[in-house]
């Protein structure tokens, strides 16, 4: 009786009908010379959701999961090859802030720069709201926002109230997000960018 194939990160079924990794002799040693980028994206997605070791270092992924149909590589591949994936990163929460599920309905491929722009770094930003820090010298809250188009951190002013400083960050973030929205070919992404940083929107 044939043994059941080993699951990838405990859930994934690699049912590829072609080699996902090709090895060759390089300098007397067998090394990978090609790795299927679609399989790598699938494997990385599973790792983010189901690797305890990975989540110990990146705790924002705790509680994330992958839709059952995507546990099978062939189903994920069928979806991915229809997307604009080359040079882009798989994202699960641009369309819906705070989303924890990787699925065909919730995921899109975006540029690495846009992905970084939308990441709030909540686990590392400290005691104050995002975009805000305390300036001891002036005794005020300072608002800052990184401009992805200039790669410079912009100072948005000083405030006596941290919520006002955060609001200044939010307004600038919204302006930058709208610029990004104009560059998108996927109307879902453009809509999400225009709405994400409006006052009262989930962040």
Protein backbone atom coordinates (compact mmCIF):
# COMPACT_ATOMS: atom_id res chain seq x y z
CA UNK A 1 0.00 0.00 0.00
CA UNK A 2 1.43 3.37 -1.05
CA UNK A 3 2.25 5.80 1.75
CA UNK A 4 0.47 9.11 1.90
CA UNK A 5 2.57 12.07 0.68
CA UNK A 6 4.06 14.30 3.35
CA UNK A 7 2.03 17.44 3.87
CA UNK A 8 3.65 20.85 3.44
CA UNK A 9 3.53 22.64 6.82
CA UNK A 10 1.02 20.07 7.97
CA UNK A 11 -1.76 21.07 5.55
CA UNK A 12 -0.47 21.57 2.01
CA UNK A 13 -0.81 18.91 -0.69
CA UNK A 14 1.85 19.25 -3.38
CA UNK A 15 0.08 17.69 -6.34
CA UNK A 16 2.23 19.36 -9.01
CA UNK A 17 2.47 17.31 -12.20
CA UNK A 18 5.94 18.68 -12.98
CA UNK A 19 9.21 19.11 -11.05
CA UNK A 20 8.98 22.22 -8.86
CA UNK A 21 12.74 22.26 -8.31
CA UNK A 22 15.53 21.35 -10.72
CA UNK A 23 18.98 20.49 -9.41
CA UNK A 24 22.25 20.24 -11.31
CA UNK A 25 25.91 19.67 -10.53
CA UNK A 26 27.55 22.99 -9.75
CA UNK A 27 31.18 22.88 -8.67
CA UNK A 28 30.90 19.21 -7.87
CA UNK A 29 27.77 19.66 -5.75
CA UNK A 30 24.13 19.26 -6.63
CA UNK A 31 22.41 22.59 -6.21
CA UNK A 32 19.02 24.02 -7.20
CA UNK A 33 19.27 25.85 -10.52
CA UNK A 34 15.55 26.55 -10.88
CA UNK A 35 12.65 26.75 -8.41
CA UNK A 36 9.08 27.16 -9.60
CA UNK A 37 8.02 30.68 -8.51
CA UNK A 38 4.36 29.64 -8.24
CA UNK A 39 5.19 26.76 -5.94
CA UNK A 40 7.48 29.00 -3.90
CA UNK A 41 4.68 31.55 -3.44
CA UNK A 42 2.32 28.77 -2.32
CA UNK A 43 4.87 27.33 0.08
CA UNK A 44 5.71 30.75 1.55
CA UNK A 45 2.00 31.44 2.10
CA UNK A 46 1.60 28.19 4.02
CA UNK A 47 4.71 28.94 6.06
CA UNK A 48 3.36 32.30 7.16
CA UNK A 49 0.17 30.68 8.41
CA UNK A 50 1.27 27.30 9.74
CA UNK A 51 4.92 27.49 10.78
CA UNK A 52 5.23 28.07 14.52
CA UNK A 53 8.90 28.92 14.15
CA UNK A 54 8.11 31.57 11.52
CA UNK A 55 5.35 33.10 13.63
CA UNK A 56 7.61 33.36 16.66
CA UNK A 57 9.59 35.96 14.71
CA UNK A 58 6.63 37.53 12.88
CA UNK A 59 3.74 37.50 15.29
CA UNK A 60 1.44 39.53 13.04
CA UNK A 61 0.77 36.25 11.22
CA UNK A 62 -0.55 34.48 14.31
CA UNK A 63 -4.17 33.55 13.62
CA UNK A 64 -3.80 33.67 9.84
CA UNK A 65 -5.02 30.77 7.72
CA UNK A 66 -5.33 29.60 4.13
CA UNK A 67 -8.66 28.75 2.49
CA UNK A 68 -9.17 24.99 2.29
CA UNK A 69 -9.13 24.90 -1.51
CA UNK A 70 -5.68 26.48 -1.54
CA UNK A 71 -4.27 23.68 0.60
CA UNK A 72 -3.93 21.90 -2.74
CA UNK A 73 -1.13 23.37 -4.85
CA UNK A 74 -2.83 22.77 -8.21
CA UNK A 75 -5.84 24.88 -7.19
CA UNK A 76 -3.62 27.75 -6.00
CA UNK A 77 -1.58 27.53 -9.20
CA UNK A 78 -4.69 27.72 -11.39
CA UNK A 79 -5.59 31.01 -9.65
CA UNK A 80 -2.10 32.50 -9.53
CA UNK A 81 -1.18 32.08 -13.21
CA UNK A 82 -4.19 34.26 -14.08
CA UNK A 83 -2.91 37.11 -11.89
CA UNK A 84 -0.35 39.84 -12.53
CA UNK A 85 2.16 38.09 -10.27
CA UNK A 86 5.55 38.57 -11.93
CA UNK A 87 7.71 40.83 -9.77
CA UNK A 88 4.85 41.32 -7.30
CA UNK A 89 4.01 40.07 -3.82
CA UNK A 90 0.96 38.12 -2.64
CA UNK A 91 -1.12 40.26 -0.27
CA UNK A 92 -4.12 39.25 1.84
CA UNK A 93 -5.21 42.49 3.53
CA UNK A 94 -5.05 45.37 1.08
CA UNK A 95 -8.59 44.70 -0.09
CA UNK A 96 -9.81 44.31 3.50
CA UNK A 97 -7.85 45.80 6.40
CA UNK A 98 -7.03 43.28 9.10
CA UNK A 99 -8.04 40.26 7.02
CA UNK A 100 -6.44 37.01 8.24
CA UNK A 101 -7.48 34.64 5.46
CA UNK A 102 -5.59 33.86 2.26
CA UNK A 103 -8.20 33.04 -0.38
CA UNK A 104 -9.11 33.77 -4.03
CA UNK A 105 -11.56 36.44 -2.86
CA UNK A 106 -9.24 38.25 -0.46
CA UNK A 107 -5.83 38.07 -2.16
CA UNK A 108 -4.17 40.15 -4.86
CA UNK A 109 -0.63 40.62 -6.12
CA UNK A 110 0.89 44.06 -5.55
CA UNK A 111 4.32 45.60 -5.89
CA UNK A 112 6.70 45.17 -2.97
CA UNK A 113 6.78 48.96 -2.53
CA UNK A 114 3.00 49.18 -2.26
CA UNK A 115 2.98 46.21 0.10
CA UNK A 116 5.49 47.98 2.36
CA UNK A 117 3.50 51.23 2.17
CA UNK A 118 0.37 49.48 3.42
CA UNK A 119 2.11 47.66 6.29
CA UNK A 120 1.55 49.55 9.55
CA UNK A 121 4.30 47.82 11.60
CA UNK A 122 1.94 47.76 14.56
CA UNK A 123 4.06 45.30 16.51
CA UNK A 124 7.11 47.58 16.46
CA UNK A 125 5.82 51.14 16.52
CA UNK A 126 5.87 51.63 20.31
CA UNK A 127 3.34 53.09 22.74
CA UNK A 128 1.83 55.76 20.48
CA UNK A 129 -0.46 55.51 17.44
CA UNK A 130 1.16 54.88 14.10
CA UNK A 131 2.96 57.91 12.67
CA UNK A 132 3.47 59.48 16.11
CA UNK A 133 6.42 59.79 18.46
CA UNK A 134 7.20 61.87 21.54
CA UNK A 135 9.79 64.61 21.10
CA UNK A 136 11.41 65.17 24.51
CA UNK A 137 13.17 68.34 23.39
CA UNK A 138 9.96 70.14 22.46
CA UNK A 139 7.66 68.30 24.82
CA UNK A 140 5.21 67.61 22.02
CA UNK A 141 4.03 64.79 19.82
CA UNK A 142 5.61 64.71 16.39
CA UNK A 143 3.81 63.37 13.31
CA UNK A 144 5.84 61.75 10.54
CA UNK A 145 5.07 59.83 7.39
CA UNK A 146 7.36 57.99 5.00
CA UNK A 147 6.87 59.09 1.40
CA UNK A 148 7.30 56.00 -0.82
CA UNK A 149 7.86 58.12 -3.93
CA UNK A 150 10.79 60.08 -2.51
CA UNK A 151 11.92 57.45 0.04
CA UNK A 152 12.11 60.25 2.60
CA UNK A 153 10.44 60.55 6.00
CA UNK A 154 8.34 63.71 6.08
CA UNK A 155 7.85 65.70 9.27
CA UNK A 156 4.19 66.75 9.51
CA UNK A 157 4.43 69.02 12.53
CA UNK A 158 4.26 69.01 16.34
CA UNK A 159 1.10 68.61 18.40
CA UNK A 160 0.15 68.78 22.08
CA UNK A 161 -2.25 65.86 21.60
CA UNK A 162 -1.15 62.53 20.15
CA UNK A 163 -4.52 61.96 18.47
CA UNK A 164 -4.06 65.20 16.49
CA UNK A 165 -0.59 64.03 15.46
CA UNK A 166 -2.01 60.70 14.34
CA UNK A 167 -4.70 62.49 12.36
CA UNK A 168 -2.03 64.50 10.54
CA UNK A 169 -0.29 61.23 9.67
CA UNK A 170 -3.56 59.73 8.46
CA UNK A 171 -4.33 62.67 6.19
CA UNK A 172 -0.89 62.52 4.57
CA UNK A 173 -1.10 58.74 4.24
CA UNK A 174 -4.45 59.16 2.49
CA UNK A 175 -2.93 61.64 0.02
CA UNK A 176 -0.13 59.23 -0.82
CA UNK A 177 -2.53 56.29 -1.07
CA UNK A 178 -4.63 58.22 -3.60
CA UNK A 179 -1.52 58.78 -5.73
CA UNK A 180 -0.89 55.04 -5.62
CA UNK A 181 -4.55 54.42 -6.51
CA UNK A 182 -4.14 56.32 -9.78
CA UNK A 183 -1.39 53.90 -10.80
CA UNK A 184 -3.44 50.74 -10.31
CA UNK A 185 -5.00 48.68 -13.09
CA UNK A 186 -7.10 46.62 -10.67
CA UNK A 187 -10.12 48.72 -9.62
CA UNK A 188 -10.45 46.73 -6.38
CA UNK A 189 -6.97 47.79 -5.27
CA UNK A 190 -7.56 51.41 -6.33
CA UNK A 191 -10.82 51.53 -4.35
CA UNK A 192 -9.18 50.02 -1.26
CA UNK A 193 -6.35 52.55 -1.40
CA UNK A 194 -8.72 55.50 -1.66
CA UNK A 195 -10.78 54.31 1.30
CA UNK A 196 -8.21 52.82 3.70
CA UNK A 197 -7.05 56.00 5.40
CA UNK A 198 -10.28 57.98 5.46
CA UNK A 199 -11.22 59.06 8.97
CA UNK A 200 -13.14 56.31 10.70
CA UNK A 201 -11.92 53.58 8.32
CA UNK A 202 -10.44 50.42 9.85
CA UNK A 203 -6.67 50.42 9.97
